[in-house]
Amino acid sequence: MTDNKSIKIESSEFSWNTLDGVFHFDGAPALLFWDSAFEIFFSTIMEISGSDASNTVFEATGFRMGLLVNEYYQNHYTVEEVMKKYSEIYSSAGWGNIEILNYDKEAKTVTVQLRNSWEQRILRSINSEQSAVLLPCHWAGVFSGLFKENMWYSLEKSKMNGDEYDEVKIFPSTITPNKNIHELARQKEQAYINELEQKVDRRTEELSTLIKTLSTPVMPVMNGILAIPLIGKFNEERFEDLLQKGLSEFKQKRASYLLLDLTGIKEFDGFIIHRLQHLIKAIELIGGNCVLVGISPSLSMQIIHSGADLNNLPTFSTLEQGIQYAIEELGYQIVKKEPIVD
């Protein structure tokens, strides 16, 4: 009983060593797979990678396979002989019917017709609407090796578009699978960066809204009296928000006095003076009164040196004093409740 068996089809030789479980195609170790196995392979890559990434994977794989095939055969035949024999080789291996046309040695261009290729069969079987990618790029790799120059392809005809066969034009080009991989990686990186920027923008907007809410609270003290603590540094946006909220709450609550607590203000500059005067004037225009409270000794010196005219504005060192003033101005008084004696 022999362990080695072989058969020759056209110019290709197939051999088996059944003892070692090895199959050779033209002297090189090979594998046999059903089309259905490649269907699973293609479907899995498409499912996991998505359309753009899977196309790039198939292009790079096909191109590198083409270089490998050419490297194996180029030492056995001339360019013209290889192109003639490739049709037999690929047909014998079950890759479909291959016809190489329009070879232009000077321009280094060639046309390849693919009929009933295994890639066409796979795509049709898995109901994919995309055109062949792996085999066209495979032939770009084959001729890149033959012509000693980087080649690329364009799909002139496609079975997926209703043509009878795939027709691939091969030509010199600066496009390479590596460039496509890098471009895909750049696109994915940019998409990830854009996604992060959108998340940051959304989070920043949420935090800005929260800060606006917390930084300028309008607090009811009692009927007719509101207080707003001014904390930290103010810019144009914060003061505008303060103005809008202050006027809105003052009118809605039908208040008479607005206490502006400056305890949290460390630096009293021209900008703060100007914007405070706007707020005070706006409150006066709707029939209200403002009182400045929380003025420390250091802040009082800054106000004096700033030249701000606050002579007609009630000012107090503590919020408690300001509340007491507003209560009295409204005609109320705080009376301590006498304990009930049994």
C-alpha atoms as a PDB file:
ATOM      1  CA  MET A   1       0.000   0.000   0.000  1.00  0.00           C
ATOM      2  CA  THR A   2       1.538   3.309  -1.092  1.00  0.00           C
ATOM      3  CA  ASP A   3       1.371   6.442   1.007  1.00  0.00           C
ATOM      4  CA  ASN A   4       1.975   8.903  -1.868  1.00  0.00           C
ATOM      5  CA  LYS A   5      -0.552   9.653  -4.566  1.00  0.00           C
ATOM      6  CA  SER A   6      -0.482  12.311  -7.250  1.00  0.00           C
ATOM      7  CA  ILE A   7      -2.402  13.557 -10.246  1.00  0.00           C
ATOM      8  CA  LYS A   8      -1.606  16.112 -12.922  1.00  0.00           C
ATOM      9  CA  ILE A   9      -4.215  18.441 -14.364  1.00  0.00           C
ATOM     10  CA  GLU A  10      -3.003  20.640 -17.238  1.00  0.00           C
ATOM     11  CA  SER A  11       0.345  21.961 -15.975  1.00  0.00           C
ATOM     12  CA  SER A  12      -0.506  21.662 -12.263  1.00  0.00           C
ATOM     13  CA  GLU A  13       0.371  18.717 -10.063  1.00  0.00           C
ATOM     14  CA  PHE A  14      -1.590  17.628  -6.995  1.00  0.00           C
ATOM     15  CA  SER A  15      -0.080  15.125  -4.594  1.00  0.00           C
ATOM     16  CA  TRP A  16      -1.045  13.522  -1.299  1.00  0.00           C
ATOM     17  CA  ASN A  17       0.956  11.874   1.436  1.00  0.00           C
ATOM     18  CA  THR A  18      -1.822  10.014   3.243  1.00  0.00           C
ATOM     19  CA  LEU A  19       0.508   8.712   5.940  1.00  0.00           C
ATOM     20  CA  ASP A  20       1.522  12.204   7.072  1.00  0.00           C
ATOM     21  CA  GLY A  21      -1.788  13.783   6.101  1.00  0.00           C
ATOM     22  CA  VAL A  22      -0.158  16.351   3.792  1.00  0.00           C
ATOM     23  CA  PHE A  23      -1.484  17.702   0.494  1.00  0.00           C
ATOM     24  CA  HIS A  24       0.736  19.513  -2.044  1.00  0.00           C
ATOM     25  CA  PHE A  25      -0.199  21.778  -4.941  1.00  0.00           C
ATOM     26  CA  ASP A  26       2.642  22.212  -7.447  1.00  0.00           C
ATOM     27  CA  GLY A  27       5.080  21.032  -4.798  1.00  0.00           C
ATOM     28  CA  ALA A  28       3.950  23.438  -2.066  1.00  0.00           C
ATOM     29  CA  PRO A  29       1.924  22.418   1.032  1.00  0.00           C
ATOM     30  CA  ALA A  30      -1.741  23.280   0.537  1.00  0.00           C
ATOM     31  CA  LEU A  31      -5.153  22.911   2.166  1.00  0.00           C
ATOM     32  CA  LEU A  32      -8.556  21.988   0.782  1.00  0.00           C
ATOM     33  CA  PHE A  33     -11.668  23.768   2.057  1.00  0.00           C
ATOM     34  CA  TRP A  34     -15.316  23.657   1.063  1.00  0.00           C
ATOM     35  CA  ASP A  35     -16.830  26.903  -0.204  1.00  0.00           C
ATOM     36  CA  SER A  36     -19.089  26.819   2.840  1.00  0.00           C
ATOM     37  CA  ALA A  37     -16.032  27.065   5.113  1.00  0.00           C
ATOM     38  CA  PHE A  38     -14.958  30.257   3.337  1.00  0.00           C
ATOM     39  CA  GLU A  39     -18.518  31.549   3.579  1.00  0.00           C
ATOM     40  CA  ILE A  40     -18.204  31.341   7.357  1.00  0.00           C
ATOM     41  CA  PHE A  41     -14.759  32.954   7.177  1.00  0.00           C
ATOM     42  CA  PHE A  42     -15.988  35.906   5.080  1.00  0.00           C
ATOM     43  CA  SER A  43     -19.210  36.348   7.064  1.00  0.00           C
ATOM     44  CA  THR A  44     -17.355  36.374  10.387  1.00  0.00           C
ATOM     45  CA  ILE A  45     -14.865  39.030   9.245  1.00  0.00           C
ATOM     46  CA  MET A  46     -17.672  41.207   7.853  1.00  0.00           C
ATOM     47  CA  GLU A  47     -19.732  40.820  11.008  1.00  0.00           C
ATOM     48  CA  ILE A  48     -16.906  41.661  13.397  1.00  0.00           C
ATOM     49  CA  SER A  49     -15.033  44.269  11.354  1.00  0.00           C
ATOM     50  CA  GLY A  50     -17.784  46.064   9.456  1.00  0.00           C
ATOM     51  CA  SER A  51     -17.798  46.996   5.785  1.00  0.00           C
ATOM     52  CA  ASP A  52     -14.820  49.385   5.564  1.00  0.00           C
ATOM     53  CA  ALA A  53     -12.489  47.365   7.767  1.00  0.00           C
ATOM     54  CA  SER A  54     -13.367  44.023   6.166  1.00  0.00           C
ATOM     55  CA  ASN A  55     -12.727  45.424   2.675  1.00  0.00           C
ATOM     56  CA  THR A  56      -9.320  46.633   3.820  1.00  0.00           C
ATOM     57  CA  VAL A  57      -8.594  43.203   5.314  1.00  0.00           C
ATOM     58  CA  PHE A  58      -9.583  41.434   2.084  1.00  0.00           C
ATOM     59  CA  GLU A  59      -7.548  43.865  -0.035  1.00  0.00           C
ATOM     60  CA  ALA A  60      -4.406  43.440   2.054  1.00  0.00           C
ATOM     61  CA  THR A  61      -4.853  39.652   2.195  1.00  0.00           C
ATOM     62  CA  GLY A  62      -5.442  39.328  -1.542  1.00  0.00           C
ATOM     63  CA  PHE A  63      -2.509  41.558  -2.440  1.00  0.00           C
ATOM     64  CA  ARG A  64      -0.062  39.727  -0.208  1.00  0.00           C
ATOM     65  CA  MET A  65      -1.316  36.366  -1.488  1.00  0.00           C
ATOM     66  CA  GLY A  66      -0.644  37.605  -5.023  1.00  0.00           C
ATOM     67  CA  LEU A  67       2.922  38.531  -4.133  1.00  0.00           C
ATOM     68  CA  LEU A  68       3.369  35.078  -2.591  1.00  0.00           C
ATOM     69  CA  VAL A  69       2.029  33.270  -5.671  1.00  0.00           C
ATOM     70  CA  ASN A  70       4.229  35.292  -7.979  1.00  0.00           C
ATOM     71  CA  GLU A  71       7.288  34.676  -5.799  1.00  0.00           C
ATOM     72  CA  TYR A  72       6.689  30.949  -6.060  1.00  0.00           C
ATOM     73  CA  TYR A  73       6.250  30.828  -9.835  1.00  0.00           C
ATOM     74  CA  GLN A  74       8.440  33.645 -11.124  1.00  0.00           C
ATOM     75  CA  ASN A  75      11.605  31.548 -11.062  1.00  0.00           C
ATOM     76  CA  HIS A  76       9.955  28.854 -13.193  1.00  0.00           C
ATOM     77  CA  TYR A  77       8.559  30.951 -16.070  1.00  0.00           C
ATOM     78  CA  THR A  78       8.946  34.273 -17.885  1.00  0.00           C
ATOM     79  CA  VAL A  79       6.324  36.994 -17.464  1.00  0.00           C
ATOM     80  CA  GLU A  80       4.594  35.986 -20.680  1.00  0.00           C
ATOM     81  CA  GLU A  81       4.707  32.292 -19.776  1.00  0.00           C
ATOM     82  CA  VAL A  82       3.380  32.972 -16.284  1.00  0.00           C
ATOM     83  CA  MET A  83       0.415  34.944 -17.624  1.00  0.00           C
ATOM     84  CA  LYS A  84      -0.373  32.110 -20.048  1.00  0.00           C
ATOM     85  CA  LYS A  85      -0.079  29.391 -17.433  1.00  0.00           C
ATOM     86  CA  TYR A  86      -1.893  31.235 -14.649  1.00  0.00           C
ATOM     87  CA  SER A  87      -5.225  30.554 -16.335  1.00  0.00           C
ATOM     88  CA  GLU A  88      -4.543  26.815 -16.148  1.00  0.00           C
ATOM     89  CA  ILE A  89      -3.124  26.978 -12.643  1.00  0.00           C
ATOM     90  CA  TYR A  90      -6.032  28.920 -11.130  1.00  0.00           C
ATOM     91  CA  SER A  91      -8.663  26.928 -13.003  1.00  0.00           C
ATOM     92  CA  SER A  92      -7.134  23.653 -11.789  1.00  0.00           C
ATOM     93  CA  ALA A  93      -7.150  24.932  -8.205  1.00  0.00           C
ATOM     94  CA  GLY A  94     -10.868  25.768  -8.332  1.00  0.00           C
ATOM     95  CA  TRP A  95     -10.441  29.533  -8.434  1.00  0.00           C
ATOM     96  CA  GLY A  96     -12.717  29.898 -11.473  1.00  0.00           C
ATOM     97  CA  ASN A  97     -11.997  30.636 -15.122  1.00  0.00           C
ATOM     98  CA  ILE A  98      -9.266  33.233 -15.553  1.00  0.00           C
ATOM     99  CA  GLU A  99      -8.473  35.035 -18.799  1.00  0.00           C
ATOM    100  CA  ILE A 100      -5.648  37.547 -19.079  1.00  0.00           C
ATOM    101  CA  LEU A 101      -6.114  40.162 -21.835  1.00  0.00           C
ATOM    102  CA  ASN A 102      -4.735  43.444 -23.164  1.00  0.00           C
ATOM    103  CA  TYR A 103      -1.214  43.033 -21.830  1.00  0.00           C
ATOM    104  CA  ASP A 104       0.802  46.198 -22.542  1.00  0.00           C
ATOM    105  CA  LYS A 105       4.434  45.598 -21.700  1.00  0.00           C
ATOM    106  CA  GLU A 106       5.475  49.242 -22.069  1.00  0.00           C
ATOM    107  CA  ALA A 107       2.593  50.744 -20.105  1.00  0.00           C
ATOM    108  CA  LYS A 108       2.628  47.826 -17.661  1.00  0.00           C
ATOM    109  CA  THR A 109      -1.132  47.418 -17.829  1.00  0.00           C
ATOM    110  CA  VAL A 110      -3.209  44.271 -18.127  1.00  0.00           C
ATOM    111  CA  THR A 111      -6.845  43.204 -17.939  1.00  0.00           C
ATOM    112  CA  VAL A 112      -8.005  40.110 -16.066  1.00  0.00           C
ATOM    113  CA  GLN A 113     -11.425  38.543 -16.579  1.00  0.00           C
ATOM    114  CA  LEU A 114     -12.754  36.418 -13.713  1.00  0.00           C
ATOM    115  CA  ARG A 115     -15.654  34.051 -14.397  1.00  0.00           C
ATOM    116  CA  ASN A 116     -17.216  31.953 -11.660  1.00  0.00           C
ATOM    117  CA  SER A 117     -14.447  32.895  -9.223  1.00  0.00           C
ATOM    118  CA  TRP A 118     -14.613  31.460  -5.748  1.00  0.00           C
ATOM    119  CA  GLU A 119     -15.033  34.967  -4.324  1.00  0.00           C
ATOM    120  CA  GLN A 120     -18.060  35.533  -6.552  1.00  0.00           C
ATOM    121  CA  ARG A 121     -19.503  32.239  -5.373  1.00  0.00           C
ATOM    122  CA  ILE A 122     -18.939  33.101  -1.711  1.00  0.00           C
ATOM    123  CA  LEU A 123     -20.428  36.608  -1.958  1.00  0.00           C
ATOM    124  CA  ARG A 124     -23.437  35.294  -3.833  1.00  0.00           C
ATOM    125  CA  SER A 125     -23.942  32.506  -1.289  1.00  0.00           C
ATOM    126  CA  ILE A 126     -23.890  34.862   1.721  1.00  0.00           C
ATOM    127  CA  ASN A 127     -26.135  37.373  -0.075  1.00  0.00           C
ATOM    128  CA  SER A 128     -23.536  40.111   0.097  1.00  0.00           C
ATOM    129  CA  GLU A 129     -24.124  43.145  -2.095  1.00  0.00           C
ATOM    130  CA  GLN A 130     -20.497  44.211  -2.196  1.00  0.00           C
ATOM    131  CA  SER A 131     -18.302  43.612  -5.233  1.00  0.00           C
ATOM    132  CA  ALA A 132     -15.278  41.340  -5.238  1.00  0.00           C
ATOM    133  CA  VAL A 133     -12.268  42.796  -3.477  1.00  0.00           C
ATOM    134  CA  LEU A 134      -9.873  40.026  -2.505  1.00  0.00           C
ATOM    135  CA  LEU A 135      -9.253  38.528  -5.968  1.00  0.00           C
ATOM    136  CA  PRO A 136      -8.944  41.834  -7.853  1.00  0.00           C
ATOM    137  CA  CYS A 137      -6.402  42.930  -5.267  1.00  0.00           C
ATOM    138  CA  HIS A 138      -4.787  39.503  -5.498  1.00  0.00           C
ATOM    139  CA  TRP A 139      -4.055  40.114  -9.179  1.00  0.00           C
ATOM    140  CA  ALA A 140      -2.657  43.536  -8.340  1.00  0.00           C
ATOM    141  CA  GLY A 141      -0.235  41.707  -6.035  1.00  0.00           C
ATOM    142  CA  VAL A 142       0.597  39.124  -8.705  1.00  0.00           C
ATOM    143  CA  PHE A 143       1.495  41.772 -11.292  1.00  0.00           C
ATOM    144  CA  SER A 144       3.294  43.936  -8.737  1.00  0.00           C
ATOM    145  CA  GLY A 145       5.673  41.012  -8.385  1.00  0.00           C
ATOM    146  CA  LEU A 146       5.867  40.336 -12.128  1.00  0.00           C
ATOM    147  CA  PHE A 147       6.502  43.962 -13.113  1.00  0.00           C
ATOM    148  CA  LYS A 148       8.702  44.762 -10.099  1.00  0.00           C
ATOM    149  CA  GLU A 149       6.544  47.806  -9.477  1.00  0.00           C
ATOM    150  CA  ASN A 150       3.589  48.602  -7.273  1.00  0.00           C
ATOM    151  CA  MET A 151       0.344  47.930  -9.104  1.00  0.00           C
ATOM    152  CA  TRP A 152      -3.278  48.537  -8.197  1.00  0.00           C
ATOM    153  CA  TYR A 153      -6.624  47.757  -9.754  1.00  0.00           C
ATOM    154  CA  SER A 154      -9.963  49.119 -10.854  1.00  0.00           C
ATOM    155  CA  LEU A 155     -13.037  46.933 -11.206  1.00  0.00           C
ATOM    156  CA  GLU A 156     -14.285  47.715 -14.710  1.00  0.00           C
ATOM    157  CA  LYS A 157     -17.100  45.148 -14.661  1.00  0.00           C
ATOM    158  CA  SER A 158     -18.734  43.302 -11.787  1.00  0.00           C
ATOM    159  CA  LYS A 159     -21.088  40.360 -11.386  1.00  0.00           C
ATOM    160  CA  MET A 160     -22.711  42.260  -8.550  1.00  0.00           C
ATOM    161  CA  ASN A 161     -23.653  45.002 -11.022  1.00  0.00           C
ATOM    162  CA  GLY A 162     -25.226  42.549 -13.436  1.00  0.00           C
ATOM    163  CA  ASP A 163     -22.237  41.933 -15.725  1.00  0.00           C
ATOM    164  CA  GLU A 164     -21.396  38.435 -16.938  1.00  0.00           C
ATOM    165  CA  TYR A 165     -18.027  38.439 -15.183  1.00  0.00           C
ATOM    166  CA  ASP A 166     -15.647  40.524 -13.119  1.00  0.00           C
ATOM    167  CA  GLU A 167     -13.175  42.481 -15.226  1.00  0.00           C
ATOM    168  CA  VAL A 168     -10.159  43.889 -13.435  1.00  0.00           C
ATOM    169  CA  LYS A 169      -7.774  46.441 -14.903  1.00  0.00           C
ATOM    170  CA  ILE A 170      -4.263  46.384 -13.414  1.00  0.00           C
ATOM    171  CA  PHE A 171      -2.016  49.447 -13.656  1.00  0.00           C
ATOM    172  CA  PRO A 172       0.934  51.140 -11.922  1.00  0.00           C
ATOM    173  CA  SER A 173      -0.148  53.110  -8.868  1.00  0.00           C
ATOM    174  CA  THR A 174       1.028  54.646  -5.607  1.00  0.00           C
ATOM    175  CA  ILE A 175      -1.898  53.017  -3.782  1.00  0.00           C
ATOM    176  CA  THR A 176      -0.869  50.128  -1.546  1.00  0.00           C
ATOM    177  CA  PRO A 177      -2.664  47.940   1.002  1.00  0.00           C
ATOM    178  CA  ASN A 178      -0.406  49.347   3.708  1.00  0.00           C
ATOM    179  CA  LYS A 179      -1.500  52.887   2.873  1.00  0.00           C
ATOM    180  CA  ASN A 180      -5.120  51.770   2.962  1.00  0.00           C
ATOM    181  CA  ILE A 181      -4.573  50.139   6.354  1.00  0.00           C
ATOM    182  CA  HIS A 182      -2.960  53.300   7.707  1.00  0.00           C
ATOM    183  CA  GLU A 183      -5.756  55.426   6.236  1.00  0.00           C
ATOM    184  CA  LEU A 184      -8.383  53.176   7.810  1.00  0.00           C
ATOM    185  CA  ALA A 185      -6.565  53.371  11.137  1.00  0.00           C
ATOM    186  CA  ARG A 186      -6.388  57.169  10.815  1.00  0.00           C
ATOM    187  CA  GLN A 187     -10.115  57.348  10.030  1.00  0.00           C
ATOM    188  CA  LYS A 188     -10.984  55.136  12.995  1.00  0.00           C
ATOM    189  CA  GLU A 189      -8.694  57.166  15.246  1.00  0.00           C
ATOM    190  CA  GLN A 190     -10.300  60.398  14.034  1.00  0.00           C
ATOM    191  CA  ALA A 191     -13.767  58.923  14.531  1.00  0.00           C
ATOM    192  CA  TYR A 192     -12.783  57.933  18.077  1.00  0.00           C
ATOM    193  CA  ILE A 193     -11.378  61.408  18.737  1.00  0.00           C
ATOM    194  CA  ASN A 194     -14.577  62.993  17.391  1.00  0.00           C
ATOM    195  CA  GLU A 195     -16.644  60.732  19.633  1.00  0.00           C
ATOM    196  CA  LEU A 196     -14.552  61.700  22.667  1.00  0.00           C
ATOM    197  CA  GLU A 197     -14.823  65.394  21.776  1.00  0.00           C
ATOM    198  CA  GLN A 198     -18.611  65.077  21.539  1.00  0.00           C
ATOM    199  CA  LYS A 199     -18.692  63.380  24.940  1.00  0.00           C
ATOM    200  CA  VAL A 200     -16.471  66.107  26.393  1.00  0.00           C
ATOM    201  CA  ASP A 201     -18.685  68.808  24.863  1.00  0.00           C
ATOM    202  CA  ARG A 202     -21.830  67.195  26.261  1.00  0.00           C
ATOM    203  CA  ARG A 203     -20.231  66.775  29.686  1.00  0.00           C
ATOM    204  CA  THR A 204     -18.920  70.351  29.624  1.00  0.00           C
ATOM    205  CA  GLU A 205     -22.393  71.612  28.776  1.00  0.00           C
ATOM    206  CA  GLU A 206     -23.898  69.580  31.612  1.00  0.00           C
ATOM    207  CA  LEU A 207     -21.284  70.875  34.066  1.00  0.00           C
ATOM    208  CA  SER A 208     -21.726  74.452  32.847  1.00  0.00           C
ATOM    209  CA  THR A 209     -25.466  74.186  33.436  1.00  0.00           C
ATOM    210  CA  LEU A 210     -24.847  72.731  36.885  1.00  0.00           C
ATOM    211  CA  ILE A 211     -22.315  75.447  37.718  1.00  0.00           C
ATOM    212  CA  LYS A 212     -24.750  78.147  36.598  1.00  0.00           C
ATOM    213  CA  THR A 213     -27.428  76.664  38.802  1.00  0.00           C
ATOM    214  CA  LEU A 214     -25.164  76.352  41.849  1.00  0.00           C
ATOM    215  CA  SER A 215     -23.031  79.472  41.421  1.00  0.00           C
ATOM    216  CA  THR A 216     -25.852  82.039  41.418  1.00  0.00           C
ATOM    217  CA  PRO A 217     -28.657  80.694  43.618  1.00  0.00           C
ATOM    218  CA  VAL A 218     -31.518  83.094  44.349  1.00  0.00           C
ATOM    219  CA  MET A 219     -32.579  82.384  47.943  1.00  0.00           C
ATOM    220  CA  PRO A 220     -35.876  83.534  49.460  1.00  0.00           C
ATOM    221  CA  VAL A 221     -35.266  84.957  52.940  1.00  0.00           C
ATOM    222  CA  MET A 222     -38.853  85.810  53.757  1.00  0.00           C
ATOM    223  CA  ASN A 223     -41.830  87.418  52.097  1.00  0.00           C
ATOM    224  CA  GLY A 224     -40.525  90.315  49.982  1.00  0.00           C
ATOM    225  CA  ILE A 225     -36.807  89.640  50.542  1.00  0.00           C
ATOM    226  CA  LEU A 226     -34.396  87.666  48.333  1.00  0.00           C
ATOM    227  CA  ALA A 227     -30.659  87.086  48.697  1.00  0.00           C
ATOM    228  CA  ILE A 228     -28.016  86.159  46.129  1.00  0.00           C
ATOM    229  CA  PRO A 229     -24.524  85.086  47.275  1.00  0.00           C
ATOM    230  CA  LEU A 230     -21.783  86.111  44.831  1.00  0.00           C
ATOM    231  CA  ILE A 231     -19.032  83.490  44.928  1.00  0.00           C
ATOM    232  CA  GLY A 232     -15.753  83.207  43.007  1.00  0.00           C
ATOM    233  CA  LYS A 233     -14.765  85.010  39.836  1.00  0.00           C
ATOM    234  CA  PHE A 234     -17.347  86.413  37.462  1.00  0.00           C
ATOM    235  CA  ASN A 235     -17.068  86.781  33.718  1.00  0.00           C
ATOM    236  CA  GLU A 236     -19.527  88.275  31.257  1.00  0.00           C
ATOM    237  CA  GLU A 237     -21.460  85.020  30.933  1.00  0.00           C
ATOM    238  CA  ARG A 238     -21.857  84.513  34.696  1.00  0.00           C
ATOM    239  CA  PHE A 239     -22.969  88.100  35.272  1.00  0.00           C
ATOM    240  CA  GLU A 240     -25.479  87.869  32.423  1.00  0.00           C
ATOM    241  CA  ASP A 241     -26.869  84.694  33.973  1.00  0.00           C
ATOM    242  CA  LEU A 242     -26.974  86.444  37.370  1.00  0.00           C
ATOM    243  CA  LEU A 243     -28.852  89.386  35.866  1.00  0.00           C
ATOM    244  CA  GLN A 244     -31.435  87.204  34.133  1.00  0.00           C
ATOM    245  CA  LYS A 245     -32.046  84.927  37.118  1.00  0.00           C
ATOM    246  CA  GLY A 246     -32.087  87.794  39.585  1.00  0.00           C
ATOM    247  CA  LEU A 247     -34.657  89.820  37.627  1.00  0.00           C
ATOM    248  CA  SER A 248     -36.794  86.768  36.871  1.00  0.00           C
ATOM    249  CA  GLU A 249     -36.938  85.546  40.486  1.00  0.00           C
ATOM    250  CA  PHE A 250     -37.388  89.062  41.856  1.00  0.00           C
ATOM    251  CA  LYS A 251     -40.411  89.680  39.641  1.00  0.00           C
ATOM    252  CA  GLN A 252     -41.866  86.200  40.109  1.00  0.00           C
ATOM    253  CA  LYS A 253     -41.618  86.360  43.908  1.00  0.00           C
ATOM    254  CA  ARG A 254     -42.901  89.952  43.941  1.00  0.00           C
ATOM    255  CA  ALA A 255     -39.981  90.906  46.156  1.00  0.00           C
ATOM    256  CA  SER A 256     -39.093  94.393  47.354  1.00  0.00           C
ATOM    257  CA  TYR A 257     -35.477  93.890  48.481  1.00  0.00           C
ATOM    258  CA  LEU A 258     -32.580  92.013  46.917  1.00  0.00           C
ATOM    259  CA  LEU A 259     -29.572  91.375  49.155  1.00  0.00           C
ATOM    260  CA  LEU A 260     -26.313  90.935  47.240  1.00  0.00           C
ATOM    261  CA  ASP A 261     -23.907  89.037  49.464  1.00  0.00           C
ATOM    262  CA  LEU A 262     -20.283  89.853  48.565  1.00  0.00           C
ATOM    263  CA  THR A 263     -18.722  87.515  51.163  1.00  0.00           C
ATOM    264  CA  GLY A 264     -17.371  85.229  48.417  1.00  0.00           C
ATOM    265  CA  ILE A 265     -15.851  88.087  46.365  1.00  0.00           C
ATOM    266  CA  LYS A 266     -12.108  88.416  46.953  1.00  0.00           C
ATOM    267  CA  GLU A 267     -11.288  91.067  44.363  1.00  0.00           C
ATOM    268  CA  PHE A 268     -13.529  94.055  43.652  1.00  0.00           C
ATOM    269  CA  ASP A 269     -12.448  95.443  40.280  1.00  0.00           C
ATOM    270  CA  GLY A 270     -13.928  97.729  37.661  1.00  0.00           C
ATOM    271  CA  PHE A 271     -15.635  94.900  35.840  1.00  0.00           C
ATOM    272  CA  ILE A 272     -17.549  93.756  38.941  1.00  0.00           C
ATOM    273  CA  ILE A 273     -18.493  97.350  39.805  1.00  0.00           C
ATOM    274  CA  HIS A 274     -19.824  98.006  36.321  1.00  0.00           C
ATOM    275  CA  ARG A 275     -21.900  94.813  36.186  1.00  0.00           C
ATOM    276  CA  LEU A 276     -23.232  95.216  39.755  1.00  0.00           C
ATOM    277  CA  GLN A 277     -24.387  98.719  38.909  1.00  0.00           C
ATOM    278  CA  HIS A 278     -26.270  97.256  35.925  1.00  0.00           C
ATOM    279  CA  LEU A 279     -28.024  94.751  38.195  1.00  0.00           C
ATOM    280  CA  ILE A 280     -28.832  97.386  40.842  1.00  0.00           C
ATOM    281  CA  LYS A 281     -30.229  99.757  38.200  1.00  0.00           C
ATOM    282  CA  ALA A 282     -32.320  96.940  36.655  1.00  0.00           C
ATOM    283  CA  ILE A 283     -33.823  96.057  40.052  1.00  0.00           C
ATOM    284  CA  GLU A 284     -34.619  99.726  40.688  1.00  0.00           C
ATOM    285  CA  LEU A 285     -36.373  99.994  37.316  1.00  0.00           C
ATOM    286  CA  ILE A 286     -38.837  97.264  38.312  1.00  0.00           C
ATOM    287  CA  GLY A 287     -39.540  98.934  41.637  1.00  0.00           C
ATOM    288  CA  GLY A 288     -37.084  97.084  43.864  1.00  0.00           C
ATOM    289  CA  ASN A 289     -34.186  97.939  46.152  1.00  0.00           C
ATOM    290  CA  CYS A 290     -30.725  96.423  46.468  1.00  0.00           C
ATOM    291  CA  VAL A 291     -28.642  96.033  49.608  1.00  0.00           C
ATOM    292  CA  LEU A 292     -24.947  95.105  49.642  1.00  0.00           C
ATOM    293  CA  VAL A 293     -23.940  92.792  52.483  1.00  0.00           C
ATOM    294  CA  GLY A 294     -20.887  90.732  53.433  1.00  0.00           C
ATOM    295  CA  ILE A 295     -18.441  93.608  53.044  1.00  0.00           C
ATOM    296  CA  SER A 296     -15.210  92.819  54.866  1.00  0.00           C
ATOM    297  CA  PRO A 297     -12.652  95.485  55.882  1.00  0.00           C
ATOM    298  CA  SER A 298     -10.353  94.546  52.993  1.00  0.00           C
ATOM    299  CA  LEU A 299     -13.228  94.588  50.515  1.00  0.00           C
ATOM    300  CA  SER A 300     -14.376  97.977  51.826  1.00  0.00           C
ATOM    301  CA  MET A 301     -10.885  99.384  51.091  1.00  0.00           C
ATOM    302  CA  GLN A 302     -11.002  97.959  47.554  1.00  0.00           C
ATOM    303  CA  ILE A 303     -14.408  99.590  46.996  1.00  0.00           C
ATOM    304  CA  ILE A 304     -13.095 102.948  48.216  1.00  0.00           C
ATOM    305  CA  HIS A 305      -9.981 102.769  46.020  1.00  0.00           C
ATOM    306  CA  SER A 306     -12.076 101.765  43.020  1.00  0.00           C
ATOM    307  CA  GLY A 307     -13.946 105.060  43.139  1.00  0.00           C
ATOM    308  CA  ALA A 308     -17.336 103.332  42.950  1.00  0.00           C
ATOM    309  CA  ASP A 309     -20.226 105.583  43.977  1.00  0.00           C
ATOM    310  CA  LEU A 310     -22.258 103.559  46.472  1.00  0.00           C
ATOM    311  CA  ASN A 311     -23.384 106.458  48.672  1.00  0.00           C
ATOM    312  CA  ASN A 312     -27.095 105.898  48.037  1.00  0.00           C
ATOM    313  CA  LEU A 313     -26.874 102.140  48.482  1.00  0.00           C
ATOM    314  CA  PRO A 314     -27.365 100.485  51.896  1.00  0.00           C
ATOM    315  CA  THR A 315     -24.302  98.405  52.811  1.00  0.00           C
ATOM    316  CA  PHE A 316     -23.663  96.081  55.750  1.00  0.00           C
ATOM    317  CA  SER A 317     -20.829  93.863  56.912  1.00  0.00           C
ATOM    318  CA  THR A 318     -23.048  90.838  57.497  1.00  0.00           C
ATOM    319  CA  LEU A 319     -26.020  89.217  55.854  1.00  0.00           C
ATOM    320  CA  GLU A 320     -27.866  89.262  59.176  1.00  0.00           C
ATOM    321  CA  GLN A 321     -27.637  93.057  59.364  1.00  0.00           C
ATOM    322  CA  GLY A 322     -28.899  93.374  55.801  1.00  0.00           C
ATOM    323  CA  ILE A 323     -31.883  91.140  56.525  1.00  0.00           C
ATOM    324  CA  GLN A 324     -32.709  93.135  59.668  1.00  0.00           C
ATOM    325  CA  TYR A 325     -32.571  96.371  57.617  1.00  0.00           C
ATOM    326  CA  ALA A 326     -34.881  95.022  54.902  1.00  0.00           C
ATOM    327  CA  ILE A 327     -37.367  93.690  57.454  1.00  0.00           C
ATOM    328  CA  GLU A 328     -37.575  97.075  59.149  1.00  0.00           C
ATOM    329  CA  GLU A 329     -37.937  98.891  55.822  1.00  0.00           C
ATOM    330  CA  LEU A 330     -40.875  96.635  55.006  1.00  0.00           C
ATOM    331  CA  GLY A 331     -42.524  97.609  58.301  1.00  0.00           C
ATOM    332  CA  TYR A 332     -41.954  94.352  60.094  1.00  0.00           C
ATOM    333  CA  GLN A 333     -40.149  93.653  63.306  1.00  0.00           C
ATOM    334  CA  ILE A 334     -38.796  90.494  64.838  1.00  0.00           C
ATOM    335  CA  VAL A 335     -40.207  89.904  68.311  1.00  0.00           C
ATOM    336  CA  LYS A 336     -38.956  87.191  70.589  1.00  0.00           C
ATOM    337  CA  LYS A 337     -41.764  84.906  71.582  1.00  0.00           C
ATOM    338  CA  GLU A 338     -42.317  84.808  75.312  1.00  0.00           C
ATOM    339  CA  PRO A 339     -42.282  81.349  76.850  1.00  0.00           C
ATOM    340  CA  ILE A 340     -45.671  80.024  77.894  1.00  0.00           C
ATOM    341  CA  VAL A 341     -45.879  79.693  81.648  1.00  0.00           C
ATOM    342  CA  ASP A 342     -48.213  77.062  82.999  1.00  0.00           C
END
